[in-house]
Amino acid sequence: MFQIKLGVRSFLYRKSQYRSLFLVCMFGVAISLTAIFVSNGMINTMNEKAKIYYGGNFAFMQNVYDEGLEIHDYKDYFEKVKSVFPKDADVSYRLDFDGRNSSFYFEGTKALQQTIKGCNFELEKNLFSNMSFVSGGFENMNGTNGILISEPIANMLNIKVGDTMTFMLKTVNDEKNTVDVEIKGIFQDSSVFGMYTSYMDFDFLKQCYGRDENFANRIVINFPGKYLTREQSEFYQKKLEKLFVMYPLVDNKDDFLDNADDLGHDSCALIPLSANLNEVKIMEQAMNVVISFIVVMLTVIIIAGIGSTYRVLIIKRLNEIGIYMALGMKKFDIAFTLLFESFVLLLAGCIAALAVSALFCFVISLFNFSFIPAFDLFLVKGNLLPVVDVIKSVAVIAGVILTTLIAVLYSTWKSIRLLPANALAVAE
């Protein structure tokens, strides 16, 4: 216990000497944590946009032999699928329509689309409440000819909420059809998940496309605010296997699309969100590699800065160490005292780094980054929203403290190996 008291007193007495080391630790850890929090926020926002685009955590699909992705009598399938998942999960149905053969027209201006999605907005209100709207919204969309379009498309057409435009498409019978649709909402998204994607009422889009009332091509399941593990996906897969002929759980949706016909009859699949995001996962992995590199480099700087500076301070205190030895203190006690000083320094620096990191994140969240092309994938209303990661924060702080203490221990051990007489002979 006396070593701790001695270490604290020594740290307070020499606080001016430790100021620069404190700042190195504080800013190094703060920048590392800020990079982690911003990266987490970007990935979290990207996943939330993907959930809106794909309908949630899972998509239940049926590959009808020789007919493609179709669910006939979807209401029966819907009830069975719904029975498998807990009440806090939002289960709905969708019609994903390839929009490349369709287009919008408004006052002589044409805009192409990639995907048009028919949704039940009441069943999916938790998902669409996370969508960033420039104007309007998704409320009261069910049973109407309303449509949600992206801000870039709205700007291209010079259209606003309340206006009516012409929607031209090819029906299931390969016939041209034109319908009037009303702009109900304009959402802010120029990413791969948003710019060329529009959302309409499920039944209305089905009528436009010429499909019968019992048709859907996927059932979607969303756990609001949650991302499920592989083990949880396997749990629901096994429950569905008791009701349907299920294709094995896949890591890539194309595995099911390319091979389902080999079963020789209608087969179903539970497609996790991650199975739709193989290209995005590469981006996420690249981001994690970059952030890890930044954290490692800053940790090395902290270790080098504090370790080398502390070595100088130890040399200046050899006379003090000699006095400790002469008074009968054991080498272990001396080493523990000096290490505890370092620990107090590092702990104070890391605690201050948390506050500084929170300030950095707040400042970053104030800036609008919409001007960066395609960066909307990571933005909420144009802003970055950092997300705290407790586990990674603890890992970074523990790593900095532990590795720096090891470096300090090396310098300390070399000093206390001196004979008391030799240590006393060194002038401080």
Protein backbone atom coordinates (compact mmCIF):
# COMPACT_ATOMS: atom_id res chain seq x y z
CA MET A 1 0.00 0.00 0.00
CA PHE A 2 2.85 2.43 0.80
CA GLN A 3 4.13 2.03 -2.78
CA ILE A 4 0.81 3.37 -4.12
CA LYS A 5 0.85 6.37 -1.77
CA LEU A 6 4.47 7.06 -2.65
CA GLY A 7 3.73 6.76 -6.37
CA VAL A 8 0.75 9.15 -6.22
CA ARG A 9 2.72 11.72 -4.19
CA SER A 10 5.64 11.49 -6.60
CA PHE A 11 3.32 11.90 -9.60
CA LEU A 12 1.67 15.01 -8.10
CA TYR A 13 5.03 16.48 -7.15
CA ARG A 14 6.39 16.00 -10.68
CA LYS A 15 3.17 16.82 -12.58
CA SER A 16 4.90 19.57 -14.55
CA GLN A 17 7.43 17.02 -15.89
CA TYR A 18 4.63 14.69 -16.90
CA ARG A 19 2.52 17.32 -18.69
CA SER A 20 3.94 16.61 -22.16
CA LEU A 21 3.58 12.84 -21.65
CA PHE A 22 0.00 13.35 -20.54
CA LEU A 23 -0.78 15.32 -23.70
CA VAL A 24 0.84 12.67 -25.94
CA CYS A 25 -1.27 9.97 -24.31
CA MET A 26 -4.46 12.02 -24.33
CA PHE A 27 -4.37 13.13 -27.98
CA GLY A 28 -3.04 9.79 -29.27
CA VAL A 29 -5.82 7.81 -27.60
CA ALA A 30 -8.43 10.49 -28.45
CA ILE A 31 -7.62 10.34 -32.16
CA SER A 32 -7.68 6.53 -32.08
CA LEU A 33 -11.07 6.43 -30.36
CA THR A 34 -12.49 9.13 -32.64
CA ALA A 35 -11.41 7.15 -35.72
CA ILE A 36 -13.09 4.03 -34.30
CA PHE A 37 -16.32 5.84 -33.37
CA VAL A 38 -16.59 7.60 -36.74
CA SER A 39 -15.88 4.35 -38.59
CA ASN A 40 -18.53 2.55 -36.50
CA GLY A 41 -21.00 5.31 -37.28
CA MET A 42 -20.33 5.06 -40.99
CA ILE A 43 -20.73 1.28 -41.00
CA ASN A 44 -23.86 1.48 -38.84
CA THR A 45 -25.46 4.04 -41.17
CA MET A 46 -24.54 1.97 -44.20
CA ASN A 47 -26.14 -1.12 -42.65
CA GLU A 48 -29.29 0.82 -41.75
CA LYS A 49 -29.63 1.99 -45.36
CA ALA A 50 -29.08 -1.60 -46.50
CA LYS A 51 -31.82 -2.78 -44.12
CA ILE A 52 -34.27 -0.32 -45.68
CA TYR A 53 -33.24 -1.39 -49.17
CA TYR A 54 -33.42 -5.15 -48.51
CA GLY A 55 -36.30 -5.04 -46.03
CA GLY A 56 -34.52 -5.85 -42.78
CA ASN A 57 -32.40 -8.61 -41.32
CA PHE A 58 -33.78 -11.39 -43.52
CA ALA A 59 -35.51 -11.93 -46.83
CA PHE A 60 -37.52 -15.13 -47.29
CA MET A 61 -37.58 -16.15 -50.96
CA GLN A 62 -39.05 -18.99 -52.98
CA ASN A 63 -37.48 -20.12 -56.23
CA VAL A 64 -40.36 -21.63 -58.21
CA TYR A 65 -38.95 -24.25 -60.56
CA ASP A 66 -38.38 -22.73 -64.03
CA GLU A 67 -40.20 -19.50 -63.05
CA GLY A 68 -37.70 -17.62 -60.88
CA LEU A 69 -38.29 -15.77 -57.62
CA GLU A 70 -42.03 -15.90 -57.02
CA ILE A 71 -44.24 -16.53 -54.01
CA HIS A 72 -47.74 -17.53 -55.05
CA ASP A 73 -50.41 -17.38 -52.34
CA TYR A 74 -48.00 -15.19 -50.41
CA LYS A 75 -50.53 -14.61 -47.60
CA ASP A 76 -50.31 -18.26 -46.58
CA TYR A 77 -46.50 -18.14 -46.65
CA PHE A 78 -46.58 -14.83 -44.80
CA GLU A 79 -48.56 -16.27 -41.87
CA LYS A 80 -46.29 -19.32 -41.62
CA VAL A 81 -43.11 -17.26 -41.72
CA LYS A 82 -44.54 -14.82 -39.19
CA SER A 83 -45.21 -17.69 -36.77
CA VAL A 84 -41.49 -18.54 -36.71
CA PHE A 85 -40.25 -15.14 -35.57
CA PRO A 86 -40.83 -13.35 -32.24
CA LYS A 87 -43.39 -10.58 -31.81
CA ASP A 88 -40.74 -7.85 -31.73
CA ALA A 89 -39.77 -8.70 -35.32
CA ASP A 90 -41.50 -6.83 -38.15
CA VAL A 91 -42.60 -9.29 -40.83
CA SER A 92 -43.86 -7.92 -44.12
CA TYR A 93 -44.00 -8.70 -47.86
CA ARG A 94 -42.52 -6.97 -50.85
CA LEU A 95 -42.46 -6.81 -54.61
CA ASP A 96 -39.01 -5.95 -55.88
CA PHE A 97 -39.42 -4.77 -59.46
CA ASP A 98 -36.51 -4.40 -61.89
CA GLY A 99 -36.83 -0.76 -62.87
CA ARG A 100 -34.33 -0.73 -65.71
CA ASN A 101 -37.15 -1.07 -68.25
CA SER A 102 -39.14 1.73 -66.66
CA SER A 103 -38.76 5.46 -66.33
CA PHE A 104 -40.30 8.61 -64.84
CA TYR A 105 -41.45 11.60 -66.89
CA PHE A 106 -42.21 15.07 -65.62
CA GLU A 107 -42.72 18.09 -67.87
CA GLY A 108 -40.69 16.54 -70.68
CA THR A 109 -37.80 15.39 -68.48
CA LYS A 110 -36.99 11.69 -68.18
CA ALA A 111 -35.34 9.85 -65.25
CA LEU A 112 -34.35 6.19 -65.24
CA GLN A 113 -34.55 3.84 -62.27
CA GLN A 114 -32.70 0.73 -61.15
CA THR A 115 -35.13 -0.77 -58.64
CA ILE A 116 -38.71 -0.05 -57.63
CA LYS A 117 -39.93 -1.66 -54.43
CA GLY A 118 -43.51 -2.29 -53.46
CA CYS A 119 -43.89 -2.21 -49.67
CA ASN A 120 -46.46 -2.31 -46.92
CA PHE A 121 -45.45 0.90 -45.17
CA GLU A 122 -47.53 0.20 -42.09
CA LEU A 123 -45.81 -3.12 -41.43
CA GLU A 124 -42.40 -1.57 -42.19
CA LYS A 125 -42.83 1.74 -40.39
CA ASN A 126 -39.87 1.01 -38.07
CA LEU A 127 -37.62 0.70 -41.10
CA PHE A 128 -38.85 3.75 -42.97
CA SER A 129 -38.73 5.90 -39.84
CA ASN A 130 -34.93 5.66 -40.19
CA MET A 131 -35.02 7.15 -43.70
CA SER A 132 -33.79 10.75 -43.99
CA PHE A 133 -36.43 12.79 -45.81
CA VAL A 134 -35.72 16.15 -47.40
CA SER A 135 -39.46 16.75 -47.63
CA GLY A 136 -42.62 14.74 -47.19
CA GLY A 137 -42.57 11.23 -45.73
CA PHE A 138 -43.90 7.69 -45.91
CA GLU A 139 -47.01 8.20 -43.77
CA ASN A 140 -50.36 7.30 -45.34
CA MET A 141 -48.69 5.66 -48.35
CA ASN A 142 -50.64 2.40 -48.16
CA GLY A 143 -53.44 2.12 -50.72
CA THR A 144 -52.34 5.19 -52.68
CA ASN A 145 -50.46 5.94 -55.89
CA GLY A 146 -47.77 7.66 -53.84
CA ILE A 147 -44.07 7.18 -54.40
CA LEU A 148 -40.86 7.93 -52.53
CA ILE A 149 -37.92 9.05 -54.69
CA SER A 150 -34.35 10.12 -53.98
CA GLU A 151 -33.24 13.74 -53.84
CA PRO A 152 -30.94 13.43 -56.91
CA ILE A 153 -33.84 12.12 -59.02
CA ALA A 154 -36.13 14.87 -57.70
CA ASN A 155 -33.52 17.47 -58.64
CA MET A 156 -33.09 15.89 -62.07
CA LEU A 157 -36.84 16.12 -62.71
CA ASN A 158 -37.19 19.46 -60.89
CA ILE A 159 -40.11 17.98 -59.00
CA LYS A 160 -41.40 18.43 -55.45
CA VAL A 161 -43.71 16.73 -52.95
CA GLY A 162 -47.31 16.93 -54.11
CA ASP A 163 -46.48 16.92 -57.83
CA THR A 164 -47.71 14.13 -60.09
CA MET A 165 -45.45 12.48 -62.66
CA THR A 166 -45.87 9.73 -65.24
CA PHE A 167 -44.52 6.26 -64.49
CA MET A 168 -43.89 4.19 -67.64
CA LEU A 169 -43.13 0.48 -67.32
CA LYS A 170 -43.40 -2.90 -68.97
CA THR A 171 -45.95 -5.30 -67.49
CA VAL A 172 -45.47 -8.99 -66.87
CA ASN A 173 -46.96 -9.56 -70.34
CA ASP A 174 -44.30 -7.30 -71.88
CA GLU A 175 -46.83 -4.58 -72.59
CA LYS A 176 -46.20 -0.88 -71.99
CA ASN A 177 -48.19 0.72 -69.22
CA THR A 178 -48.30 4.33 -68.00
CA VAL A 179 -49.72 5.47 -64.67
CA ASP A 180 -49.71 8.70 -62.72
CA VAL A 181 -47.91 8.67 -59.38
CA GLU A 182 -47.83 11.37 -56.73
CA ILE A 183 -44.61 12.37 -54.99
CA LYS A 184 -45.21 11.69 -51.29
CA GLY A 185 -41.64 11.92 -50.04
CA ILE A 186 -38.14 12.83 -51.18
CA PHE A 187 -35.36 11.11 -49.28
CA GLN A 188 -31.73 12.16 -49.03
CA ASP A 189 -29.60 9.40 -50.48
CA SER A 190 -27.28 9.36 -53.49
CA SER A 191 -25.72 6.00 -52.58
CA VAL A 192 -25.97 2.64 -54.29
CA PHE A 193 -28.92 1.85 -52.01
CA GLY A 194 -30.87 5.01 -52.70
CA MET A 195 -30.24 7.16 -55.75
CA TYR A 196 -31.94 4.96 -58.36
CA THR A 197 -34.38 3.27 -55.98
CA SER A 198 -38.02 4.22 -55.42
CA TYR A 199 -40.67 2.91 -53.03
CA MET A 200 -44.38 2.50 -53.74
CA ASP A 201 -47.42 0.83 -52.21
CA PHE A 202 -47.24 -2.96 -52.58
CA ASP A 203 -50.70 -3.46 -54.08
CA PHE A 204 -50.52 -0.43 -56.37
CA LEU A 205 -47.16 -1.46 -57.86
CA LYS A 206 -48.48 -5.00 -58.33
CA GLN A 207 -51.43 -3.66 -60.30
CA CYS A 208 -49.12 -1.51 -62.43
CA TYR A 209 -47.00 -4.54 -63.16
CA GLY A 210 -50.03 -6.72 -64.00
CA ARG A 211 -49.56 -9.32 -61.30
CA ASP A 212 -52.43 -11.14 -59.58
CA GLU A 213 -53.37 -10.19 -56.05
CA ASN A 214 -51.78 -13.33 -54.49
CA PHE A 215 -48.30 -12.58 -55.82
CA ALA A 216 -45.17 -11.37 -54.00
CA ASN A 217 -41.52 -12.17 -54.55
CA ARG A 218 -40.19 -11.96 -51.01
CA ILE A 219 -41.17 -11.82 -47.37
CA VAL A 220 -38.94 -9.58 -45.28
CA ILE A 221 -38.15 -9.79 -41.58
CA ASN A 222 -36.71 -6.91 -39.59
CA PHE A 223 -35.51 -6.77 -35.99
CA PRO A 224 -35.60 -3.01 -35.22
CA GLY A 225 -32.23 -1.76 -34.03
CA LYS A 226 -30.67 -5.25 -34.04
CA TYR A 227 -28.13 -7.15 -36.12
CA LEU A 228 -28.28 -10.90 -35.71
CA THR A 229 -25.38 -13.31 -35.34
CA ARG A 230 -24.74 -16.34 -37.52
CA GLU A 231 -25.96 -18.57 -34.68
CA GLN A 232 -29.27 -16.70 -34.52
CA SER A 233 -29.69 -17.00 -38.29
CA GLU A 234 -29.11 -20.74 -38.05
CA PHE A 235 -31.72 -20.95 -35.27
CA TYR A 236 -34.43 -19.42 -37.47
CA GLN A 237 -33.26 -21.45 -40.45
CA LYS A 238 -33.91 -24.68 -38.52
CA LYS A 239 -37.38 -23.52 -37.48
CA LEU A 240 -38.26 -22.70 -41.09
CA GLU A 241 -37.01 -26.11 -42.24
CA LYS A 242 -39.88 -27.66 -40.29
CA LEU A 243 -42.38 -25.78 -42.48
CA PHE A 244 -40.72 -25.46 -45.90
CA VAL A 245 -38.23 -27.11 -48.22
CA MET A 246 -35.30 -24.85 -47.34
CA TYR A 247 -32.06 -24.27 -49.18
CA PRO A 248 -29.06 -24.30 -46.79
CA LEU A 249 -28.24 -20.99 -45.14
CA VAL A 250 -26.00 -19.02 -47.52
CA ASP A 251 -23.30 -16.38 -47.13
CA ASN A 252 -23.94 -15.15 -50.67
CA LYS A 253 -27.43 -14.78 -52.13
CA ASP A 254 -26.20 -15.82 -55.58
CA ASP A 255 -25.50 -19.32 -54.25
CA PHE A 256 -29.25 -19.82 -53.84
CA LEU A 257 -30.20 -18.10 -57.08
CA ASP A 258 -27.73 -20.16 -59.12
CA ASN A 259 -28.26 -23.57 -57.52
CA ALA A 260 -31.81 -23.78 -56.13
CA ASP A 261 -33.19 -25.50 -59.25
CA ASP A 262 -30.92 -28.47 -58.54
CA LEU A 263 -33.38 -29.53 -55.81
CA GLY A 264 -35.84 -30.45 -58.54
CA HIS A 265 -38.84 -28.72 -56.90
CA ASP A 266 -39.84 -25.43 -55.35
CA SER A 267 -37.30 -24.42 -52.74
CA CYS A 268 -37.17 -21.59 -50.25
CA ALA A 269 -34.28 -19.71 -48.71
CA LEU A 270 -33.68 -17.44 -45.76
CA ILE A 271 -31.28 -14.78 -47.00
CA PRO A 272 -29.50 -12.89 -44.17
CA LEU A 273 -28.72 -9.22 -44.70
CA SER A 274 -25.01 -10.03 -44.83
CA ALA A 275 -25.58 -12.39 -47.79
CA ASN A 276 -26.72 -9.36 -49.81
CA LEU A 277 -23.72 -7.26 -48.88
CA ASN A 278 -20.68 -9.16 -50.14
CA GLU A 279 -19.27 -6.18 -52.04
CA VAL A 280 -20.09 -3.83 -49.17
CA LYS A 281 -18.39 -6.19 -46.72
CA ILE A 282 -15.16 -5.76 -48.68
CA MET A 283 -15.49 -2.01 -48.17
CA GLU A 284 -16.18 -2.56 -44.46
CA GLN A 285 -13.14 -4.80 -44.11
CA ALA A 286 -10.99 -2.20 -45.86
CA MET A 287 -12.24 0.47 -43.46
CA ASN A 288 -11.43 -1.75 -40.49
CA VAL A 289 -7.92 -2.36 -41.82
CA VAL A 290 -7.31 1.38 -42.24
CA ILE A 291 -8.66 2.17 -38.75
CA SER A 292 -6.60 -0.64 -37.23
CA PHE A 293 -3.48 0.73 -38.93
CA ILE A 294 -4.19 4.21 -37.54
CA VAL A 295 -4.72 2.85 -34.02
CA VAL A 296 -1.55 0.75 -34.15
CA MET A 297 0.56 3.65 -35.43
CA LEU A 298 -0.76 6.02 -32.77
CA THR A 299 -0.16 3.39 -30.09
CA VAL A 300 3.44 3.00 -31.29
CA ILE A 301 3.86 6.79 -31.11
CA ILE A 302 2.49 6.83 -27.55
CA ILE A 303 4.77 3.97 -26.48
CA ALA A 304 7.82 5.51 -28.14
CA GLY A 305 7.10 8.99 -26.79
CA ILE A 306 6.37 8.01 -23.22
CA GLY A 307 8.91 5.17 -23.10
CA SER A 308 11.85 7.26 -24.32
CA THR A 309 10.92 10.30 -22.24
CA TYR A 310 10.41 8.21 -19.15
CA ARG A 311 13.85 6.68 -19.64
CA VAL A 312 15.34 10.17 -19.35
CA LEU A 313 13.28 10.91 -16.25
CA ILE A 314 14.43 7.67 -14.63
CA ILE A 315 18.07 8.54 -15.28
CA LYS A 316 17.53 11.91 -13.58
CA ARG A 317 16.06 10.09 -10.57
CA LEU A 318 18.86 7.58 -10.04
CA ASN A 319 19.90 9.48 -6.91
CA GLU A 320 16.36 9.14 -5.56
CA ILE A 321 16.38 5.43 -6.40
CA GLY A 322 19.66 5.08 -4.50
CA ILE A 323 18.05 6.68 -1.44
CA TYR A 324 15.17 4.22 -1.64
CA MET A 325 17.67 1.36 -1.76
CA ALA A 326 19.67 2.75 1.12
CA LEU A 327 16.48 2.95 3.19
CA GLY A 328 15.94 -0.74 2.59
CA MET A 329 13.29 -0.71 -0.12
CA LYS A 330 13.32 -3.83 -2.23
CA LYS A 331 13.78 -3.63 -5.98
CA PHE A 332 10.24 -4.92 -6.51
CA ASP A 333 8.80 -2.13 -4.35
CA ILE A 334 10.83 0.52 -6.20
CA ALA A 335 9.77 -0.86 -9.58
CA PHE A 336 6.13 -1.02 -8.49
CA THR A 337 6.26 2.59 -7.24
CA LEU A 338 7.67 3.89 -10.53
CA LEU A 339 5.26 1.79 -12.58
CA PHE A 340 2.32 3.04 -10.56
CA GLU A 341 3.36 6.61 -11.38
CA SER A 342 3.24 5.67 -15.06
CA PHE A 343 -0.10 3.94 -14.60
CA VAL A 344 -1.63 7.04 -13.01
CA LEU A 345 -0.27 9.13 -15.89
CA LEU A 346 -1.67 6.77 -18.54
CA LEU A 347 -5.02 6.33 -16.81
CA ALA A 348 -5.48 10.09 -16.46
CA GLY A 349 -4.51 10.55 -20.11
CA CYS A 350 -6.97 7.89 -21.30
CA ILE A 351 -9.83 9.29 -19.20
CA ALA A 352 -9.15 12.75 -20.61
CA ALA A 353 -8.96 11.16 -24.09
CA LEU A 354 -12.55 9.92 -23.73
CA ALA A 355 -13.75 13.48 -23.13
CA VAL A 356 -11.63 14.87 -25.98
CA SER A 357 -12.86 12.11 -28.30
CA ALA A 358 -16.47 12.96 -27.42
CA LEU A 359 -15.73 16.59 -28.30
CA PHE A 360 -14.10 15.59 -31.62
CA CYS A 361 -17.10 13.41 -32.50
CA PHE A 362 -19.53 16.21 -31.65
CA VAL A 363 -17.65 18.68 -33.85
CA ILE A 364 -17.47 16.18 -36.73
CA SER A 365 -21.23 15.54 -36.49
CA LEU A 366 -21.89 19.27 -37.08
CA PHE A 367 -20.41 19.28 -40.58
CA ASN A 368 -22.43 18.42 -43.67
CA PHE A 369 -20.55 16.03 -45.97
CA SER A 370 -23.22 15.74 -48.67
CA PHE A 371 -20.95 17.53 -51.13
CA ILE A 372 -18.77 14.41 -51.35
CA PRO A 373 -20.03 12.25 -54.28
CA ALA A 374 -21.76 9.00 -53.18
CA PHE A 375 -20.80 9.67 -49.54
CA ASP A 376 -24.48 9.69 -48.57
CA LEU A 377 -24.08 5.96 -48.02
CA PHE A 378 -22.49 6.85 -44.67
CA LEU A 379 -24.52 9.95 -43.79
CA VAL A 380 -27.71 10.70 -41.89
CA LYS A 381 -29.23 13.96 -43.17
CA GLY A 382 -25.83 14.83 -44.57
CA ASN A 383 -23.96 14.32 -41.30
CA LEU A 384 -21.69 11.65 -39.89
CA LEU A 385 -23.07 10.14 -36.69
CA PRO A 386 -20.23 8.51 -34.69
CA VAL A 387 -21.19 5.45 -32.65
CA VAL A 388 -19.42 4.54 -29.41
CA ASP A 389 -17.96 1.04 -29.21
CA VAL A 390 -17.31 0.14 -25.57
CA ILE A 391 -15.45 -3.10 -26.31
CA LYS A 392 -13.05 -1.51 -28.81
CA SER A 393 -12.56 1.50 -26.51
CA VAL A 394 -11.59 -0.74 -23.60
CA ALA A 395 -9.30 -2.75 -25.90
CA VAL A 396 -7.49 0.39 -27.13
CA ILE A 397 -7.11 1.87 -23.65
CA ALA A 398 -5.98 -1.44 -22.15
CA GLY A 399 -3.55 -1.99 -25.04
CA VAL A 400 -2.02 1.48 -24.68
CA ILE A 401 -1.64 1.17 -20.91
CA LEU A 402 -0.27 -2.37 -20.95
CA THR A 403 2.24 -1.94 -23.78
CA THR A 404 3.46 1.41 -22.46
CA LEU A 405 3.90 -0.01 -18.95
CA ILE A 406 6.01 -2.82 -20.43
CA ALA A 407 8.24 -0.23 -22.12
CA VAL A 408 8.50 1.74 -18.87
CA LEU A 409 9.26 -1.43 -16.91
CA TYR A 410 12.25 -2.12 -19.16
CA SER A 411 13.71 1.33 -18.42
CA THR A 412 12.90 1.04 -14.73
CA TRP A 413 14.44 -2.40 -14.31
CA LYS A 414 17.72 -1.30 -15.84
CA SER A 415 17.92 1.55 -13.32
CA ILE A 416 17.14 -0.40 -10.13
CA ARG A 417 19.79 -3.02 -10.96
CA LEU A 418 22.44 -0.49 -9.86
CA LEU A 419 24.11 -0.84 -6.47
CA PRO A 420 22.82 1.67 -3.89
CA ALA A 421 26.29 3.36 -3.70
CA ASN A 422 26.45 3.76 -7.49
CA ALA A 423 22.92 5.14 -7.60
CA LEU A 424 23.64 7.65 -4.83
CA ALA A 425 26.76 8.80 -6.67
CA VAL A 426 24.64 10.02 -9.62
CA ALA A 427 23.78 13.70 -9.38
CA GLU A 428 20.09 14.42 -10.09
